[in-house]
């Protein structure tokens, strides 16, 4: 919140709250229904999603396929993903810089 004072930060958001399955097929819904996003960054007022922040812990070392699938779904929905290793949390300045470099002001969502 300190790093992104001009945005609204929501923790632990259900992926299905911001991503719709590609088809009405139950298996497509099942791919996203139980997944949580660590943080969703939104614009104030409209609450348009600007980016998703994911914290990678030791479990991500062994399940990189799941991370790739998650990233594909989020990117296909048009959202930016910022990732950090949870074992070495970034400073406020690092978050601000990475966000600014990843989410350009020219993007419609910002």
N, C-alpha and C. Protein backbone atom coordinates (compact mmCIF):
# COMPACT_ATOMS: atom_id res chain seq x y z
N UNK A 1 0.83 -1.19 0.00
CA UNK A 1 0.00 0.00 0.00
C UNK A 1 0.88 1.26 0.00
N UNK A 2 1.98 1.23 0.77
CA UNK A 2 2.90 2.37 0.78
C UNK A 2 3.56 2.56 -0.58
N UNK A 3 3.84 1.47 -1.28
CA UNK A 3 4.52 1.54 -2.57
C UNK A 3 3.60 2.01 -3.69
N UNK A 4 2.31 1.81 -3.53
CA UNK A 4 1.35 2.14 -4.59
C UNK A 4 0.22 3.00 -4.03
N UNK A 5 0.56 4.19 -3.54
CA UNK A 5 -0.44 5.00 -2.83
C UNK A 5 -1.58 5.51 -3.71
N UNK A 6 -1.42 5.47 -5.02
CA UNK A 6 -2.47 5.96 -5.92
C UNK A 6 -3.30 4.82 -6.49
N UNK A 7 -3.23 3.67 -5.84
CA UNK A 7 -3.97 2.50 -6.26
C UNK A 7 -4.63 1.84 -5.05
N UNK A 8 -5.56 0.96 -5.31
CA UNK A 8 -6.20 0.17 -4.27
C UNK A 8 -5.60 -1.23 -4.35
N UNK A 9 -5.19 -1.78 -3.22
CA UNK A 9 -4.55 -3.09 -3.16
C UNK A 9 -5.47 -4.06 -2.44
N UNK A 10 -5.86 -5.12 -3.15
CA UNK A 10 -6.70 -6.16 -2.57
C UNK A 10 -5.86 -7.42 -2.39
N UNK A 11 -5.80 -7.98 -1.17
CA UNK A 11 -5.06 -9.23 -0.96
C UNK A 11 -5.97 -10.45 -1.16
N UNK A 12 -5.36 -11.56 -1.52
CA UNK A 12 -6.03 -12.86 -1.60
C UNK A 12 -7.36 -12.81 -2.35
N UNK A 13 -7.28 -12.48 -3.63
CA UNK A 13 -8.47 -12.35 -4.48
C UNK A 13 -8.66 -13.66 -5.25
N UNK A 14 -9.88 -14.13 -5.31
CA UNK A 14 -10.18 -15.32 -6.11
C UNK A 14 -9.92 -15.00 -7.58
N UNK A 15 -9.19 -15.87 -8.26
CA UNK A 15 -8.91 -15.63 -9.67
C UNK A 15 -10.20 -15.46 -10.47
N UNK A 16 -11.22 -16.20 -10.10
CA UNK A 16 -12.49 -16.12 -10.82
C UNK A 16 -13.16 -14.75 -10.67
N UNK A 17 -12.71 -13.93 -9.74
CA UNK A 17 -13.27 -12.58 -9.59
C UNK A 17 -12.81 -11.64 -10.69
N UNK A 18 -11.67 -11.96 -11.32
CA UNK A 18 -11.16 -11.05 -12.37
C UNK A 18 -10.96 -11.73 -13.72
N UNK A 19 -11.09 -13.06 -13.76
CA UNK A 19 -10.86 -13.81 -15.00
C UNK A 19 -12.06 -14.72 -15.26
N UNK A 20 -12.58 -14.65 -16.46
CA UNK A 20 -13.66 -15.56 -16.85
C UNK A 20 -13.05 -16.70 -17.65
N UNK A 21 -13.56 -17.92 -17.50
CA UNK A 21 -13.03 -19.03 -18.29
C UNK A 21 -13.24 -18.78 -19.78
N UNK A 22 -12.37 -19.36 -20.59
CA UNK A 22 -12.44 -19.17 -22.04
C UNK A 22 -13.70 -19.77 -22.64
N UNK A 23 -14.27 -20.75 -21.98
CA UNK A 23 -15.51 -21.36 -22.46
C UNK A 23 -16.43 -21.64 -21.28
N UNK A 24 -17.63 -22.05 -21.59
CA UNK A 24 -18.59 -22.37 -20.52
C UNK A 24 -18.39 -23.80 -20.01
N UNK A 25 -17.39 -24.45 -20.52
CA UNK A 25 -17.05 -25.82 -20.12
C UNK A 25 -16.69 -25.85 -18.64
N UNK A 26 -17.21 -26.83 -17.91
CA UNK A 26 -16.95 -26.94 -16.47
C UNK A 26 -15.46 -27.11 -16.19
N UNK A 27 -14.74 -27.82 -17.03
CA UNK A 27 -13.30 -28.01 -16.79
C UNK A 27 -12.55 -26.69 -16.91
N UNK A 28 -13.00 -25.80 -17.79
CA UNK A 28 -12.36 -24.48 -17.90
C UNK A 28 -12.58 -23.68 -16.62
N UNK A 29 -13.79 -23.76 -16.08
CA UNK A 29 -14.07 -23.06 -14.83
C UNK A 29 -13.25 -23.65 -13.68
N UNK A 30 -13.13 -24.97 -13.65
CA UNK A 30 -12.38 -25.63 -12.59
C UNK A 30 -10.92 -25.21 -12.56
N UNK A 31 -10.37 -24.83 -13.71
CA UNK A 31 -8.97 -24.41 -13.76
C UNK A 31 -8.72 -23.12 -12.98
N UNK A 32 -9.74 -22.30 -12.83
CA UNK A 32 -9.55 -21.02 -12.12
C UNK A 32 -10.32 -20.92 -10.82
N UNK A 33 -11.32 -21.76 -10.61
CA UNK A 33 -12.25 -21.56 -9.49
C UNK A 33 -11.61 -21.63 -8.11
N UNK A 34 -10.61 -22.44 -7.94
CA UNK A 34 -10.01 -22.61 -6.62
C UNK A 34 -8.71 -21.84 -6.43
N UNK A 35 -8.32 -21.07 -7.41
CA UNK A 35 -7.04 -20.35 -7.33
C UNK A 35 -7.21 -18.97 -6.72
N UNK A 36 -6.22 -18.55 -5.95
CA UNK A 36 -6.19 -17.23 -5.33
C UNK A 36 -4.99 -16.47 -5.87
N UNK A 37 -5.17 -15.17 -6.01
CA UNK A 37 -4.09 -14.27 -6.41
C UNK A 37 -3.62 -13.55 -5.15
N UNK A 38 -2.32 -13.42 -4.98
CA UNK A 38 -1.81 -12.82 -3.75
C UNK A 38 -2.28 -11.38 -3.58
N UNK A 39 -2.13 -10.57 -4.63
CA UNK A 39 -2.60 -9.18 -4.58
C UNK A 39 -3.14 -8.77 -5.95
N UNK A 40 -4.21 -8.02 -5.95
CA UNK A 40 -4.74 -7.42 -7.17
C UNK A 40 -4.69 -5.91 -6.96
N UNK A 41 -4.05 -5.21 -7.91
CA UNK A 41 -3.89 -3.76 -7.84
C UNK A 41 -4.91 -3.12 -8.76
N UNK A 42 -5.69 -2.18 -8.23
CA UNK A 42 -6.77 -1.55 -8.99
C UNK A 42 -6.66 -0.03 -8.94
N UNK A 43 -7.34 0.60 -9.90
CA UNK A 43 -7.43 2.05 -9.89
C UNK A 43 -8.48 2.44 -8.86
N UNK A 44 -8.28 3.57 -8.19
CA UNK A 44 -9.33 4.02 -7.27
C UNK A 44 -10.55 4.46 -8.08
N UNK A 45 -11.68 4.44 -7.48
CA UNK A 45 -12.89 4.86 -8.18
C UNK A 45 -13.51 3.72 -8.97
N UNK A 46 -12.96 3.45 -10.15
CA UNK A 46 -13.54 2.42 -11.02
C UNK A 46 -13.15 1.01 -10.59
N UNK A 47 -12.08 0.88 -9.82
CA UNK A 47 -11.54 -0.40 -9.39
C UNK A 47 -11.17 -1.30 -10.57
N UNK A 48 -10.74 -0.68 -11.68
CA UNK A 48 -10.25 -1.44 -12.83
C UNK A 48 -8.94 -2.11 -12.43
N UNK A 49 -8.78 -3.36 -12.79
CA UNK A 49 -7.56 -4.10 -12.46
C UNK A 49 -6.40 -3.55 -13.29
N UNK A 50 -5.31 -3.23 -12.61
CA UNK A 50 -4.11 -2.72 -13.25
C UNK A 50 -3.05 -3.80 -13.34
N UNK A 51 -2.91 -4.59 -12.28
CA UNK A 51 -1.88 -5.62 -12.24
C UNK A 51 -2.20 -6.64 -11.16
N UNK A 52 -1.51 -7.76 -11.26
CA UNK A 52 -1.60 -8.83 -10.27
C UNK A 52 -0.19 -9.03 -9.72
N UNK A 53 -0.08 -9.13 -8.41
CA UNK A 53 1.21 -9.41 -7.78
C UNK A 53 1.16 -10.81 -7.20
N UNK A 54 2.15 -11.61 -7.55
CA UNK A 54 2.27 -12.96 -7.04
C UNK A 54 3.56 -13.09 -6.25
N UNK A 55 3.47 -13.70 -5.07
CA UNK A 55 4.62 -13.97 -4.23
C UNK A 55 4.98 -15.44 -4.37
N UNK A 56 6.19 -15.71 -4.79
CA UNK A 56 6.64 -17.09 -5.01
C UNK A 56 7.40 -17.58 -3.79
N UNK A 57 6.92 -18.69 -3.22
CA UNK A 57 7.62 -19.30 -2.09
C UNK A 57 8.27 -20.60 -2.56
N UNK A 58 8.74 -21.40 -1.64
CA UNK A 58 9.46 -22.63 -2.00
C UNK A 58 8.60 -23.58 -2.83
N UNK A 59 7.30 -23.56 -2.65
CA UNK A 59 6.43 -24.46 -3.42
C UNK A 59 6.47 -24.14 -4.91
N UNK A 60 6.79 -22.93 -5.26
CA UNK A 60 6.85 -22.53 -6.66
C UNK A 60 8.09 -23.08 -7.36
N UNK A 61 9.12 -23.42 -6.58
CA UNK A 61 10.34 -23.99 -7.16
C UNK A 61 10.05 -25.32 -7.83
N UNK A 62 9.17 -26.11 -7.24
CA UNK A 62 8.89 -27.45 -7.76
C UNK A 62 7.70 -27.50 -8.71
N UNK A 63 6.90 -26.45 -8.77
CA UNK A 63 5.69 -26.48 -9.59
C UNK A 63 5.66 -25.29 -10.56
N UNK A 64 6.69 -25.19 -11.38
CA UNK A 64 6.79 -24.07 -12.31
C UNK A 64 5.76 -24.16 -13.44
N UNK A 65 5.29 -25.37 -13.76
CA UNK A 65 4.24 -25.51 -14.77
C UNK A 65 2.96 -24.82 -14.32
N UNK A 66 2.63 -24.97 -13.04
CA UNK A 66 1.43 -24.32 -12.51
C UNK A 66 1.57 -22.80 -12.58
N UNK A 67 2.78 -22.28 -12.30
CA UNK A 67 3.02 -20.84 -12.40
C UNK A 67 2.85 -20.36 -13.84
N UNK A 68 3.37 -21.15 -14.79
CA UNK A 68 3.24 -20.77 -16.21
C UNK A 68 1.78 -20.76 -16.64
N UNK A 69 1.02 -21.75 -16.22
CA UNK A 69 -0.40 -21.81 -16.57
C UNK A 69 -1.16 -20.63 -15.97
N UNK A 70 -0.85 -20.33 -14.73
CA UNK A 70 -1.49 -19.20 -14.05
C UNK A 70 -1.16 -17.90 -14.79
N UNK A 71 0.10 -17.74 -15.15
CA UNK A 71 0.52 -16.53 -15.87
C UNK A 71 -0.16 -16.44 -17.23
N UNK A 72 -0.32 -17.54 -17.92
CA UNK A 72 -0.99 -17.53 -19.22
C UNK A 72 -2.44 -17.07 -19.08
N UNK A 73 -3.12 -17.56 -18.06
CA UNK A 73 -4.52 -17.17 -17.84
C UNK A 73 -4.61 -15.68 -17.53
N UNK A 74 -3.75 -15.21 -16.66
CA UNK A 74 -3.79 -13.80 -16.26
C UNK A 74 -3.40 -12.89 -17.43
N UNK A 75 -2.36 -13.27 -18.17
CA UNK A 75 -1.95 -12.47 -19.33
C UNK A 75 -3.02 -12.49 -20.42
N UNK A 76 -3.65 -13.63 -20.64
CA UNK A 76 -4.70 -13.71 -21.65
C UNK A 76 -5.88 -12.82 -21.32
N UNK A 77 -6.10 -12.59 -20.03
CA UNK A 77 -7.17 -11.69 -19.59
C UNK A 77 -6.76 -10.23 -19.73
N UNK A 78 -5.48 -9.99 -20.09
CA UNK A 78 -5.01 -8.63 -20.32
C UNK A 78 -4.37 -7.95 -19.13
N UNK A 79 -4.01 -8.71 -18.11
CA UNK A 79 -3.43 -8.12 -16.91
C UNK A 79 -1.93 -8.36 -16.84
N UNK A 80 -1.23 -7.43 -16.23
CA UNK A 80 0.20 -7.55 -15.97
C UNK A 80 0.40 -8.39 -14.70
N UNK A 81 1.48 -9.16 -14.67
CA UNK A 81 1.85 -9.90 -13.47
C UNK A 81 3.21 -9.42 -13.01
N UNK A 82 3.30 -9.10 -11.73
CA UNK A 82 4.57 -8.79 -11.11
C UNK A 82 4.84 -9.89 -10.10
N UNK A 83 6.05 -10.46 -10.12
CA UNK A 83 6.38 -11.58 -9.24
C UNK A 83 7.55 -11.21 -8.34
N UNK A 84 7.47 -11.69 -7.10
CA UNK A 84 8.58 -11.56 -6.16
C UNK A 84 8.76 -12.86 -5.42
N UNK A 85 9.98 -13.11 -5.04
CA UNK A 85 10.29 -14.26 -4.21
C UNK A 85 9.92 -13.88 -2.77
N UNK A 86 9.02 -14.66 -2.18
CA UNK A 86 8.54 -14.36 -0.83
C UNK A 86 9.64 -14.52 0.21
N UNK A 87 10.71 -15.22 -0.14
CA UNK A 87 11.81 -15.41 0.80
C UNK A 87 12.69 -14.17 0.89
N UNK A 88 12.54 -13.26 -0.07
CA UNK A 88 13.27 -12.00 -0.05
C UNK A 88 12.31 -10.90 -0.50
N UNK A 89 11.55 -10.42 0.45
CA UNK A 89 10.52 -9.44 0.12
C UNK A 89 11.15 -8.14 -0.35
N UNK A 90 10.54 -7.51 -1.35
CA UNK A 90 11.10 -6.27 -1.88
C UNK A 90 10.83 -5.08 -0.96
N UNK A 91 11.64 -4.07 -1.15
CA UNK A 91 11.42 -2.82 -0.41
C UNK A 91 10.29 -2.04 -1.08
N UNK A 92 9.81 -1.03 -0.41
CA UNK A 92 8.79 -0.15 -0.97
C UNK A 92 9.28 0.43 -2.29
N UNK A 93 10.55 0.84 -2.33
CA UNK A 93 11.12 1.44 -3.53
C UNK A 93 11.18 0.43 -4.68
N UNK A 94 11.55 -0.82 -4.36
CA UNK A 94 11.62 -1.86 -5.41
C UNK A 94 10.23 -2.14 -6.00
N UNK A 95 9.23 -2.16 -5.15
CA UNK A 95 7.86 -2.39 -5.62
C UNK A 95 7.44 -1.24 -6.53
N UNK A 96 7.67 -0.02 -6.07
CA UNK A 96 7.29 1.16 -6.85
C UNK A 96 7.97 1.15 -8.20
N UNK A 97 9.26 0.86 -8.24
CA UNK A 97 10.02 0.89 -9.48
C UNK A 97 9.55 -0.21 -10.44
N UNK A 98 9.41 -1.42 -9.94
CA UNK A 98 8.99 -2.52 -10.81
C UNK A 98 7.58 -2.26 -11.35
N UNK A 99 6.71 -1.76 -10.51
CA UNK A 99 5.36 -1.44 -10.95
C UNK A 99 5.39 -0.39 -12.06
N UNK A 100 6.16 0.67 -11.85
CA UNK A 100 6.25 1.75 -12.84
C UNK A 100 6.84 1.23 -14.16
N UNK A 101 7.81 0.33 -14.08
CA UNK A 101 8.44 -0.19 -15.29
C UNK A 101 7.57 -1.22 -16.01
N UNK A 102 6.69 -1.88 -15.28
CA UNK A 102 5.85 -2.92 -15.86
C UNK A 102 4.52 -2.38 -16.35
N UNK A 103 3.92 -1.52 -15.57
CA UNK A 103 2.61 -0.97 -15.90
C UNK A 103 2.81 0.45 -16.40
N UNK A 104 2.81 0.59 -17.70
CA UNK A 104 3.06 1.91 -18.30
C UNK A 104 1.84 2.81 -18.14
N UNK A 105 2.09 4.09 -18.01
CA UNK A 105 1.01 5.06 -17.84
C UNK A 105 0.11 5.12 -19.08
N UNK A 106 0.60 4.64 -20.23
CA UNK A 106 -0.20 4.68 -21.43
C UNK A 106 -1.23 3.55 -21.49
N UNK A 107 -1.12 2.59 -20.57
CA UNK A 107 -2.08 1.51 -20.55
C UNK A 107 -3.46 2.04 -20.18
N UNK A 108 -4.51 1.57 -20.87
CA UNK A 108 -5.84 2.07 -20.57
C UNK A 108 -6.30 1.83 -19.14
N UNK A 109 -5.80 0.78 -18.51
CA UNK A 109 -6.25 0.45 -17.16
C UNK A 109 -5.67 1.36 -16.10
N UNK A 110 -4.61 2.12 -16.42
CA UNK A 110 -3.98 2.93 -15.40
C UNK A 110 -4.59 4.30 -15.28
